[in-house]
N, C-alpha and C. Protein backbone atom coordinates (compact mmCIF):
# COMPACT_ATOMS: atom_id res chain seq x y z
N MET A 1 82.47 89.46 35.11
CA MET A 1 81.42 90.59 35.55
C MET A 1 80.42 89.79 35.46
N ILE A 2 79.28 89.85 36.26
CA ILE A 2 77.68 89.53 35.60
C ILE A 2 76.59 90.15 34.94
N LEU A 3 76.33 89.83 34.21
CA LEU A 3 75.75 90.04 33.18
C LEU A 3 74.41 89.99 34.10
N LEU A 4 74.01 90.87 33.93
CA LEU A 4 71.59 90.81 33.98
C LEU A 4 71.26 91.30 32.85
N ILE A 5 70.33 89.93 32.47
CA ILE A 5 69.80 90.77 31.32
C ILE A 5 68.07 91.04 31.56
N ASP A 6 68.22 92.43 31.40
CA ASP A 6 66.11 92.75 31.62
C ASP A 6 65.36 92.24 30.46
N LEU A 7 64.66 91.39 30.20
CA LEU A 7 63.66 90.64 29.40
C LEU A 7 61.75 92.17 29.06
N CYS A 8 62.44 92.52 29.95
CA CYS A 8 61.29 94.08 29.38
C CYS A 8 60.95 94.50 28.62
N TYR A 9 59.61 94.01 28.22
CA TYR A 9 59.58 95.02 26.98
C TYR A 9 60.40 95.85 25.93
N ARG A 10 60.90 97.24 27.13
CA ARG A 10 61.72 98.19 26.75
C ARG A 10 62.74 98.46 27.20
N PRO A 11 63.96 98.73 27.23
CA PRO A 11 64.65 99.18 28.03
C PRO A 11 64.42 100.01 28.90
N GLY A 12 64.29 100.58 30.02
CA GLY A 12 64.68 100.92 31.48
C GLY A 12 63.14 101.43 31.80
N SER A 13 62.52 100.36 31.34
CA SER A 13 61.15 99.64 32.30
C SER A 13 60.78 99.78 33.47
N LEU A 14 59.11 99.83 34.02
CA LEU A 14 59.78 99.99 35.76
C LEU A 14 59.47 98.40 35.92
N GLY A 15 59.03 97.43 34.65
CA GLY A 15 59.28 96.51 35.40
C GLY A 15 61.21 95.61 35.67
N GLU A 16 62.20 97.27 35.05
CA GLU A 16 63.58 96.94 35.21
C GLU A 16 64.07 96.54 36.65
N ASP A 17 63.05 97.77 37.36
CA ASP A 17 63.16 98.08 38.91
C ASP A 17 62.93 97.07 39.57
N GLU A 18 61.83 96.41 39.39
CA GLU A 18 61.23 95.55 39.96
C GLU A 18 61.55 94.19 39.77
N PHE A 19 62.30 93.46 38.76
CA PHE A 19 62.59 92.21 38.95
C PHE A 19 64.68 92.40 38.81
N VAL A 20 64.95 93.02 37.73
CA VAL A 20 66.02 93.30 37.44
C VAL A 20 67.05 94.01 39.04
N ARG A 21 66.68 95.19 39.02
CA ARG A 21 67.31 95.68 40.19
C ARG A 21 67.86 95.07 41.92
N PRO A 22 66.22 94.00 41.72
CA PRO A 22 66.68 93.27 43.63
C PRO A 22 67.84 91.41 42.99
N ILE A 23 68.31 92.17 41.52
CA ILE A 23 68.55 90.37 41.58
C ILE A 23 70.61 91.13 41.62
N ALA A 24 70.15 92.45 41.15
CA ALA A 24 71.56 93.42 41.01
C ALA A 24 72.08 93.14 42.72
N ASP A 25 70.77 93.15 43.71
CA ASP A 25 71.42 93.59 44.72
C ASP A 25 72.22 92.74 45.33
N ILE A 26 71.57 91.07 45.02
CA ILE A 26 71.43 90.04 45.68
C ILE A 26 73.46 90.14 44.98
N VAL A 27 73.42 90.63 43.47
CA VAL A 27 74.95 90.06 42.95
C VAL A 27 75.84 90.39 44.27
N LYS A 28 75.64 92.33 44.03
CA LYS A 28 76.86 92.83 44.45
C LYS A 28 76.88 93.10 46.25
N GLY A 29 75.93 91.85 46.75
CA GLY A 29 75.93 92.04 48.14
C GLY A 29 76.69 90.91 47.87
N CYS A 30 76.82 89.56 47.29
CA CYS A 30 77.94 88.27 47.08
C CYS A 30 79.01 88.95 46.75
N GLY A 31 79.55 89.92 46.11
CA GLY A 31 81.44 91.01 45.43
C GLY A 31 80.88 91.08 44.60
N TYR A 32 80.74 90.80 43.56
CA TYR A 32 80.61 90.66 42.19
C TYR A 32 79.96 91.96 41.37
N GLN A 33 80.98 92.16 40.30
CA GLN A 33 80.37 93.32 39.78
C GLN A 33 79.28 93.38 38.87
N TYR A 34 78.72 93.62 38.50
CA TYR A 34 77.46 93.44 37.58
C TYR A 34 77.09 94.37 35.98
N GLU A 35 76.95 93.86 35.52
CA GLU A 35 76.13 95.65 34.65
C GLU A 35 74.34 94.80 33.52
N ILE A 36 73.69 95.42 33.54
CA ILE A 36 72.25 95.18 33.25
C ILE A 36 72.51 95.34 31.69
N CYS A 37 71.35 94.98 31.14
CA CYS A 37 71.93 95.25 29.75
C CYS A 37 70.30 94.92 29.16
N HIS A 38 69.54 95.02 28.55
CA HIS A 38 68.74 94.68 27.40
C HIS A 38 68.78 93.45 27.08
N PHE A 39 67.40 92.42 26.54
CA PHE A 39 68.04 91.02 25.70
C PHE A 39 68.33 91.83 24.53
N THR A 40 67.85 92.21 24.03
CA THR A 40 68.08 93.12 22.85
C THR A 40 68.83 93.91 21.51
N GLU A 41 69.89 93.96 23.27
CA GLU A 41 71.55 94.92 23.62
C GLU A 41 72.56 93.41 23.27
N TRP A 42 72.69 92.03 23.40
CA TRP A 42 73.95 91.53 23.67
C TRP A 42 74.06 91.17 22.84
N GLU A 43 74.46 91.39 21.60
CA GLU A 43 75.30 90.87 20.51
C GLU A 43 76.18 92.22 20.41
N HIS A 44 76.19 93.40 20.95
CA HIS A 44 76.61 94.63 21.21
C HIS A 44 78.05 94.39 22.16
N LEU A 45 78.08 94.35 23.13
CA LEU A 45 79.11 94.22 24.47
C LEU A 45 80.46 93.06 24.17
N LYS A 46 81.13 93.01 24.74
CA LYS A 46 82.33 92.68 24.58
C LYS A 46 82.27 90.88 25.58
N LYS A 47 81.63 90.05 25.14
CA LYS A 47 81.83 88.42 25.68
C LYS A 47 82.61 88.23 26.72
N ASP A 48 83.46 88.93 26.07
CA ASP A 48 84.93 88.05 26.87
C ASP A 48 85.10 88.96 28.31
N THR A 49 84.57 89.95 28.97
CA THR A 49 84.24 90.23 30.15
C THR A 49 83.04 89.55 30.51
N ILE A 50 82.83 88.81 30.71
CA ILE A 50 81.37 88.58 30.87
C ILE A 50 81.85 86.71 32.20
N ASP A 51 81.37 86.84 33.41
CA ASP A 51 81.47 85.79 34.02
C ASP A 51 80.27 84.89 34.40
N ALA A 52 79.48 85.19 34.62
CA ALA A 52 78.19 84.68 34.31
C ALA A 52 77.02 85.67 33.49
N VAL A 53 75.66 84.63 33.45
CA VAL A 53 74.74 85.42 32.94
C VAL A 53 73.94 85.41 33.89
N ILE A 54 73.03 86.53 34.21
CA ILE A 54 71.69 86.00 34.57
C ILE A 54 69.85 86.68 33.95
N LEU A 55 69.66 85.57 33.94
CA LEU A 55 68.57 86.69 33.29
C LEU A 55 67.55 86.88 34.02
N CYS A 56 66.44 87.77 34.15
CA CYS A 56 65.50 88.36 34.79
C CYS A 56 64.44 88.31 34.73
N GLY A 57 62.86 88.00 35.15
CA GLY A 57 61.62 88.37 35.17
C GLY A 57 61.65 89.20 34.71
N THR A 58 60.55 89.52 34.65
CA THR A 58 59.47 89.85 33.76
C THR A 58 57.92 90.30 34.47
N PRO A 59 57.14 91.40 34.80
CA PRO A 59 56.08 92.10 35.27
C PRO A 59 55.10 90.45 34.78
N LEU A 60 53.90 89.83 34.79
CA LEU A 60 53.18 89.21 34.79
C LEU A 60 53.16 88.97 32.75
N LYS A 61 52.09 90.00 32.95
CA LYS A 61 51.75 89.98 30.88
C LYS A 61 53.20 90.50 30.21
N ASP A 62 54.17 90.55 30.35
CA ASP A 62 54.92 91.16 29.81
C ASP A 62 55.95 89.82 28.55
N ASN A 63 55.66 89.68 27.84
CA ASN A 63 56.12 88.21 27.12
C ASN A 63 56.79 88.40 25.64
N LEU A 64 56.61 89.98 25.39
CA LEU A 64 57.51 89.88 24.05
C LEU A 64 58.79 89.45 23.94
N PHE A 65 59.32 88.79 25.05
CA PHE A 65 60.65 88.09 24.65
C PHE A 65 60.47 87.06 23.94
N SER A 66 58.97 86.06 24.15
CA SER A 66 58.63 84.68 23.94
C SER A 66 58.54 84.84 22.19
N GLU A 67 58.07 86.19 21.93
CA GLU A 67 58.50 85.99 20.73
C GLU A 67 59.49 87.07 20.07
N MET A 68 60.82 86.29 21.02
CA MET A 68 61.81 87.31 19.75
C MET A 68 63.39 86.62 20.50
N LYS A 69 62.28 84.92 19.74
CA LYS A 69 63.67 83.88 20.61
C LYS A 69 65.29 83.86 19.35
N ASP A 70 65.43 84.98 17.87
CA ASP A 70 66.17 84.87 17.78
C ASP A 70 66.83 85.42 19.05
N CYS A 71 66.82 86.45 19.97
CA CYS A 71 67.52 87.29 20.95
C CYS A 71 68.33 86.32 21.76
N PHE A 72 67.82 85.03 21.75
CA PHE A 72 68.35 83.78 22.49
C PHE A 72 69.47 82.80 21.79
N THR A 73 69.78 83.34 20.90
CA THR A 73 70.22 81.45 20.45
C THR A 73 71.48 81.88 20.79
N TRP A 74 71.99 82.67 21.25
CA TRP A 74 73.48 82.77 21.40
C TRP A 74 73.71 81.73 23.07
N ILE A 75 72.73 82.03 23.89
CA ILE A 75 72.48 80.71 25.13
C ILE A 75 73.64 79.45 24.70
N PRO A 76 72.89 78.75 23.80
CA PRO A 76 73.14 76.89 23.75
C PRO A 76 74.52 77.18 22.85
N GLU A 77 75.41 78.44 22.95
CA GLU A 77 76.18 78.65 21.79
C GLU A 77 77.62 79.07 22.83
N GLN A 78 77.47 79.25 23.84
CA GLN A 78 78.21 79.96 25.08
C GLN A 78 78.54 79.21 25.98
N SER A 79 79.55 79.03 26.70
CA SER A 79 79.83 78.01 27.99
C SER A 79 80.27 78.90 28.55
N ILE A 80 79.70 80.07 28.51
CA ILE A 80 78.69 80.97 30.47
C ILE A 80 78.33 80.61 30.89
N PRO A 81 77.93 80.74 32.40
CA PRO A 81 76.90 80.16 33.70
C PRO A 81 76.09 80.92 33.12
N VAL A 82 75.05 80.36 33.45
CA VAL A 82 73.65 81.34 33.04
C VAL A 82 72.46 80.63 33.81
N LEU A 83 72.31 81.67 34.06
CA LEU A 83 70.67 81.26 34.73
C LEU A 83 69.30 82.24 34.24
N GLY A 84 68.23 81.41 34.26
CA GLY A 84 66.82 82.18 34.26
C GLY A 84 65.95 81.87 35.49
N ILE A 85 65.89 83.23 35.61
CA ILE A 85 64.41 83.00 36.84
C ILE A 85 63.38 83.81 36.08
N CYS A 86 62.55 82.96 35.67
CA CYS A 86 60.37 83.12 35.92
C CYS A 86 61.30 83.27 34.22
N ALA A 87 60.47 84.42 33.60
CA ALA A 87 60.89 84.46 32.15
C ALA A 87 62.07 84.48 31.71
N GLY A 88 62.98 84.57 32.02
CA GLY A 88 64.54 84.07 31.69
C GLY A 88 64.70 82.14 31.78
N MET A 89 63.60 81.08 32.43
CA MET A 89 63.99 79.90 32.53
C MET A 89 62.91 79.79 31.16
N GLN A 90 61.57 81.20 30.81
CA GLN A 90 61.50 80.18 29.61
C GLN A 90 62.36 80.40 28.81
N ALA A 91 63.32 82.05 29.01
CA ALA A 91 64.04 82.06 27.03
C ALA A 91 65.14 81.07 27.56
N VAL A 92 65.16 80.07 27.98
CA VAL A 92 66.14 79.45 28.49
C VAL A 92 65.64 78.26 27.55
N ILE A 93 65.00 77.89 27.78
CA ILE A 93 64.07 77.06 27.69
C ILE A 93 63.43 76.78 25.48
N LEU A 94 63.01 78.05 25.48
CA LEU A 94 63.07 78.73 24.23
C LEU A 94 64.47 78.48 23.46
N ALA A 95 65.58 78.89 24.15
CA ALA A 95 66.93 78.60 23.64
C ALA A 95 67.19 77.46 23.12
N TYR A 96 66.37 76.29 23.62
CA TYR A 96 67.52 74.91 23.57
C TYR A 96 65.82 74.34 22.15
N GLY A 97 65.56 74.73 22.23
CA GLY A 97 64.57 73.71 21.73
C GLY A 97 62.93 73.68 22.30
N GLY A 98 62.69 74.59 23.99
CA GLY A 98 61.51 73.83 24.40
C GLY A 98 60.41 74.89 24.00
N SER A 99 59.45 74.41 24.92
CA SER A 99 57.98 75.19 24.80
C SER A 99 57.56 75.95 25.79
N ILE A 100 57.06 77.24 25.98
CA ILE A 100 56.23 77.16 27.18
C ILE A 100 54.48 76.93 27.01
N GLU A 101 53.32 76.76 28.16
CA GLU A 101 52.28 76.73 28.09
C GLU A 101 52.28 77.74 29.25
N ALA A 102 50.87 77.80 28.65
CA ALA A 102 49.40 78.81 29.72
C ALA A 102 49.57 77.61 30.75
N ASN A 103 50.35 78.51 32.09
CA ASN A 103 50.61 78.46 33.18
C ASN A 103 49.76 78.94 33.83
N PRO A 104 49.41 80.14 34.35
CA PRO A 104 49.24 81.12 35.39
C PRO A 104 50.05 80.47 37.09
N GLU A 105 50.66 81.32 38.04
CA GLU A 105 50.35 81.53 38.61
C GLU A 105 50.40 82.69 39.93
N ILE A 106 50.40 82.59 40.86
CA ILE A 106 50.43 83.91 41.73
C ILE A 106 50.64 83.20 42.97
N GLY A 107 52.17 84.00 43.95
CA GLY A 107 51.79 83.68 45.57
C GLY A 107 52.58 82.97 45.60
N MET A 108 52.75 82.43 46.90
CA MET A 108 53.02 81.63 47.14
C MET A 108 52.86 80.15 47.13
N THR A 109 54.77 79.40 46.61
CA THR A 109 53.58 77.54 46.38
C THR A 109 55.38 77.17 47.37
N SER A 110 54.83 75.91 47.85
CA SER A 110 56.04 74.48 48.26
C SER A 110 56.21 74.09 46.11
N VAL A 111 57.97 73.87 47.26
CA VAL A 111 58.77 73.60 45.82
C VAL A 111 58.96 72.45 46.34
N ARG A 112 59.48 70.53 45.90
CA ARG A 112 60.05 69.93 45.84
C ARG A 112 61.21 69.47 45.57
N CYS A 113 62.62 69.46 46.02
CA CYS A 113 63.68 69.55 45.66
C CYS A 113 63.29 67.79 44.49
N ARG A 114 63.88 67.05 43.90
CA ARG A 114 63.68 65.96 42.87
C ARG A 114 65.09 65.76 42.71
N VAL A 115 66.78 66.06 43.16
CA VAL A 115 67.38 65.37 42.80
C VAL A 115 68.36 65.91 44.07
N SER A 116 69.20 64.81 44.43
CA SER A 116 69.85 65.18 45.28
C SER A 116 71.68 64.63 45.75
N ASP A 117 72.06 65.64 43.91
CA ASP A 117 73.73 65.99 44.20
C ASP A 117 73.89 66.89 43.72
N ASP A 118 72.80 68.71 43.92
CA ASP A 118 73.50 69.41 42.73
C ASP A 118 73.65 70.20 43.84
N PRO A 119 74.46 71.62 43.12
CA PRO A 119 75.71 72.41 44.28
C PRO A 119 74.37 73.38 44.56
N ILE A 120 73.27 73.92 43.86
CA ILE A 120 73.22 74.52 43.57
C ILE A 120 71.18 74.61 44.91
N PHE A 121 70.45 73.63 44.92
CA PHE A 121 69.51 73.02 45.06
C PHE A 121 70.23 71.91 46.37
N CYS A 122 70.28 71.77 47.85
CA CYS A 122 70.18 71.15 48.33
C CYS A 122 69.60 70.88 49.44
N GLU A 123 68.19 71.88 49.29
CA GLU A 123 67.26 71.77 50.13
C GLU A 123 66.49 70.10 49.28
N ASP A 124 65.44 69.40 50.45
CA ASP A 124 64.36 68.77 50.05
C ASP A 124 63.04 70.10 49.88
N ALA A 125 62.65 70.64 50.15
CA ALA A 125 61.40 71.03 49.73
C ALA A 125 61.93 72.71 50.88
N TRP A 126 61.05 73.71 50.02
CA TRP A 126 60.77 75.01 49.61
C TRP A 126 60.12 75.55 49.68
N ILE A 127 59.36 77.45 50.15
CA ILE A 127 58.20 78.32 49.57
C ILE A 127 59.21 79.20 49.06
N ALA A 128 58.45 78.62 47.88
CA ALA A 128 59.26 80.40 46.66
C ALA A 128 57.34 81.16 46.36
N TYR A 129 57.74 82.18 45.77
CA TYR A 129 56.82 83.57 45.92
C TYR A 129 57.42 83.04 43.92
N GLU A 130 55.89 82.78 43.34
CA GLU A 130 55.65 82.55 42.18
C GLU A 130 55.38 83.57 41.27
N LEU A 131 55.05 84.23 39.82
CA LEU A 131 55.04 85.59 39.45
C LEU A 131 54.49 85.24 37.64
N HIS A 132 53.80 84.26 37.17
CA HIS A 132 53.99 83.45 35.87
C HIS A 132 52.53 83.71 35.36
N ARG A 133 53.28 83.94 33.95
CA ARG A 133 51.50 82.85 33.23
C ARG A 133 51.65 82.04 32.23
N PHE A 134 53.25 81.26 32.24
CA PHE A 134 53.32 80.44 31.42
C PHE A 134 54.70 79.46 32.34
N ALA A 135 54.00 78.51 32.11
CA ALA A 135 56.00 77.27 32.32
C ALA A 135 56.13 77.22 31.33
N THR A 136 57.14 75.47 31.74
CA THR A 136 57.96 75.75 30.70
C THR A 136 57.70 73.88 30.52
N VAL A 137 58.13 73.58 29.31
CA VAL A 137 58.52 72.12 29.11
C VAL A 137 59.47 72.10 28.49
N PRO A 138 60.86 71.55 29.11
CA PRO A 138 62.21 71.79 28.77
C PRO A 138 62.35 70.44 27.52
N GLY A 139 63.38 70.52 27.01
CA GLY A 139 63.59 69.12 25.85
C GLY A 139 64.44 68.50 27.15
N ASN A 140 64.99 66.94 26.31
CA ASN A 140 65.38 66.23 26.91
C ASN A 140 66.86 66.50 27.08
N GLU A 141 67.65 68.06 27.09
CA GLU A 141 68.88 68.49 28.02
C GLU A 141 68.40 68.66 28.82
N PHE A 142 67.73 68.68 29.93
CA PHE A 142 67.05 69.41 30.51
C PHE A 142 67.49 68.13 31.87
N THR A 143 67.52 68.30 32.76
CA THR A 143 66.85 67.53 34.11
C THR A 143 65.91 68.47 35.02
N VAL A 144 65.28 67.72 35.78
CA VAL A 144 63.77 68.35 36.48
C VAL A 144 64.64 67.89 37.56
N ILE A 145 64.63 69.75 38.31
CA ILE A 145 65.62 69.69 39.87
C ILE A 145 64.82 69.80 40.34
N ALA A 146 63.59 70.77 41.15
CA ALA A 146 62.34 70.77 41.30
C ALA A 146 60.99 70.93 40.92
N GLU A 147 59.99 70.61 41.61
CA GLU A 147 58.45 70.73 41.18
C GLU A 147 57.64 71.73 42.05
N SER A 148 56.70 71.69 41.51
CA SER A 148 55.47 72.30 42.60
C SER A 148 54.65 71.12 42.22
N ASP A 149 52.85 71.15 42.10
CA ASP A 149 51.67 70.58 42.26
C ASP A 149 51.33 70.82 40.56
N THR A 150 51.73 72.01 39.94
CA THR A 150 51.54 72.73 39.33
C THR A 150 52.28 72.91 38.01
N CYS A 151 54.13 73.05 38.20
CA CYS A 151 54.17 73.20 37.19
C CYS A 151 56.20 72.68 37.51
N ILE A 152 57.29 72.37 36.83
CA ILE A 152 58.16 71.95 36.44
C ILE A 152 58.94 73.78 37.41
N GLN A 153 59.77 73.55 38.70
CA GLN A 153 60.32 74.28 39.22
C GLN A 153 61.31 74.77 39.04
N ALA A 154 62.42 74.12 38.47
CA ALA A 154 64.17 73.82 38.42
C ALA A 154 64.58 73.18 37.11
N VAL A 155 64.89 73.35 36.66
CA VAL A 155 65.94 72.58 35.82
C VAL A 155 67.46 73.33 35.68
N ARG A 156 67.86 72.29 35.17
CA ARG A 156 69.91 72.72 34.92
C ARG A 156 69.71 71.36 33.46
N HIS A 157 70.36 72.41 32.42
CA HIS A 157 71.14 71.80 31.58
C HIS A 157 72.17 70.23 31.82
N GLN A 158 72.23 68.72 30.77
CA GLN A 158 73.17 67.85 31.76
C GLN A 158 74.23 68.50 31.23
N ALA A 159 74.81 69.53 30.23
CA ALA A 159 76.21 69.07 29.93
C ALA A 159 76.75 70.98 29.92
N ASN A 160 75.66 71.85 29.68
CA ASN A 160 76.32 72.62 30.02
C ASN A 160 76.14 74.18 31.50
N PRO A 161 76.58 74.54 32.08
CA PRO A 161 76.03 75.19 33.36
C PRO A 161 75.03 76.61 33.55
N VAL A 162 73.86 75.78 33.23
CA VAL A 162 72.22 76.73 32.57
C VAL A 162 71.64 75.90 33.28
N TYR A 163 71.18 76.58 34.26
CA TYR A 163 69.93 76.50 34.85
C TYR A 163 68.90 77.61 34.87
N GLY A 164 67.76 77.05 35.14
CA GLY A 164 66.23 77.52 35.10
C GLY A 164 65.69 77.61 36.18
N VAL A 165 64.98 78.36 37.04
CA VAL A 165 63.92 78.90 38.29
C VAL A 165 62.43 79.24 37.89
N MET A 166 61.31 78.30 37.83
CA MET A 166 60.38 79.01 37.38
C MET A 166 60.02 79.98 38.45
N PHE A 167 60.66 80.07 39.94
CA PHE A 167 60.12 80.78 40.85
C PHE A 167 60.98 81.89 40.65
N HIS A 168 60.64 83.17 41.54
CA HIS A 168 61.40 84.47 41.88
C HIS A 168 62.12 84.22 43.34
N PRO A 169 63.75 83.38 43.08
CA PRO A 169 64.75 84.01 44.46
C PRO A 169 65.12 85.30 44.93
N GLU A 170 64.53 86.29 44.27
CA GLU A 170 64.48 87.45 44.91
C GLU A 170 64.06 87.50 45.83
N VAL A 171 63.12 87.38 46.11
CA VAL A 171 61.69 87.64 47.14
C VAL A 171 61.75 86.63 48.65
N ARG A 172 62.18 85.49 48.31
CA ARG A 172 62.71 84.75 49.63
C ARG A 172 63.40 83.80 49.52
N ASN A 173 64.16 83.77 48.30
CA ASN A 173 65.08 82.47 48.07
C ASN A 173 66.70 83.09 47.54
N THR A 174 67.24 83.61 47.92
CA THR A 174 67.58 84.41 47.22
C THR A 174 69.02 83.50 47.86
N TRP A 175 69.25 82.75 48.05
CA TRP A 175 69.88 81.46 48.26
C TRP A 175 71.02 81.24 46.66
N VAL A 176 69.31 80.77 45.74
CA VAL A 176 69.46 80.45 44.81
C VAL A 176 70.68 81.22 43.86
N VAL A 177 70.31 82.83 43.45
CA VAL A 177 71.20 84.23 43.69
C VAL A 177 72.67 82.96 44.01
N GLU A 178 73.28 83.32 45.44
CA GLU A 178 73.78 82.84 45.82
C GLU A 178 75.34 82.28 45.68
N ARG A 179 74.49 80.71 45.65
CA ARG A 179 74.51 79.90 45.44
C ARG A 179 74.82 79.38 44.14
N PHE A 180 74.25 79.89 42.70
CA PHE A 180 74.99 79.78 41.13
C PHE A 180 76.14 80.78 41.07
N LEU A 181 75.74 81.69 42.06
CA LEU A 181 77.46 83.05 41.19
C LEU A 181 78.90 82.22 42.23
N THR A 182 78.83 81.49 43.93
CA THR A 182 79.82 80.73 44.33
C THR A 182 80.40 79.38 43.55
N THR A 183 79.01 79.04 43.33
CA THR A 183 79.50 77.65 42.51
C THR A 183 80.64 78.21 41.21
N PHE A 184 79.99 78.98 40.51
CA PHE A 184 80.64 78.89 39.00
C PHE A 184 81.01 80.31 38.52
N VAL A 185 81.60 81.49 39.83
CA VAL A 185 82.58 82.39 39.00
C VAL A 185 83.32 81.91 40.64
N SER A 186 84.38 82.52 40.07
CA SER A 186 85.13 83.55 41.02
C SER A 186 85.00 84.42 41.73
N HIS A 187 85.42 84.73 42.87
CA HIS A 187 85.63 86.18 43.49
C HIS A 187 86.66 87.13 42.97
N GLU A 188 87.54 86.31 42.01
CA GLU A 188 88.78 87.38 41.34
C GLU A 188 88.05 88.36 40.39
N THR A 189 86.45 88.09 40.05
CA THR A 189 86.45 88.98 38.38
C THR A 189 86.23 90.68 39.39
């Protein structure tokens, strides 16, 4: 089962339809079951049934999650594969002691890959959709996989199956979510 974490300010907000449901459609289209959980409800889940976690994005001015870092201390403590998307990448970086800084971007941007040996990011460059107010400053535990002219666009943890992307793959780069799932999750779920 793939756990989709809603990072919006409250459970069931309109942001869930815009940022979580499109990821759910990709996951379902790949043949995986999923469950949606608000970030404040992680403690109540049966973690032994989760095969991977995707932390979804939020509306542009919805950053309550960044003030509640304690809700993400589980990320470095788990061996479950994690993909953070936009706000989700920010939550991942904050969980590992990194930081975020003001760097707003809205619209399409060119992204360049910096590595050649990643199972998810095989392209040299691509166009991606951005919608964020903050960029990340990852700690030394992360390898920068991709960047644009303005910020880091993708990272992976050096020891754990943890990724983050600043752009929104649900808009025009669904291959990111698809490859994350096929790389880290068996279809027997």
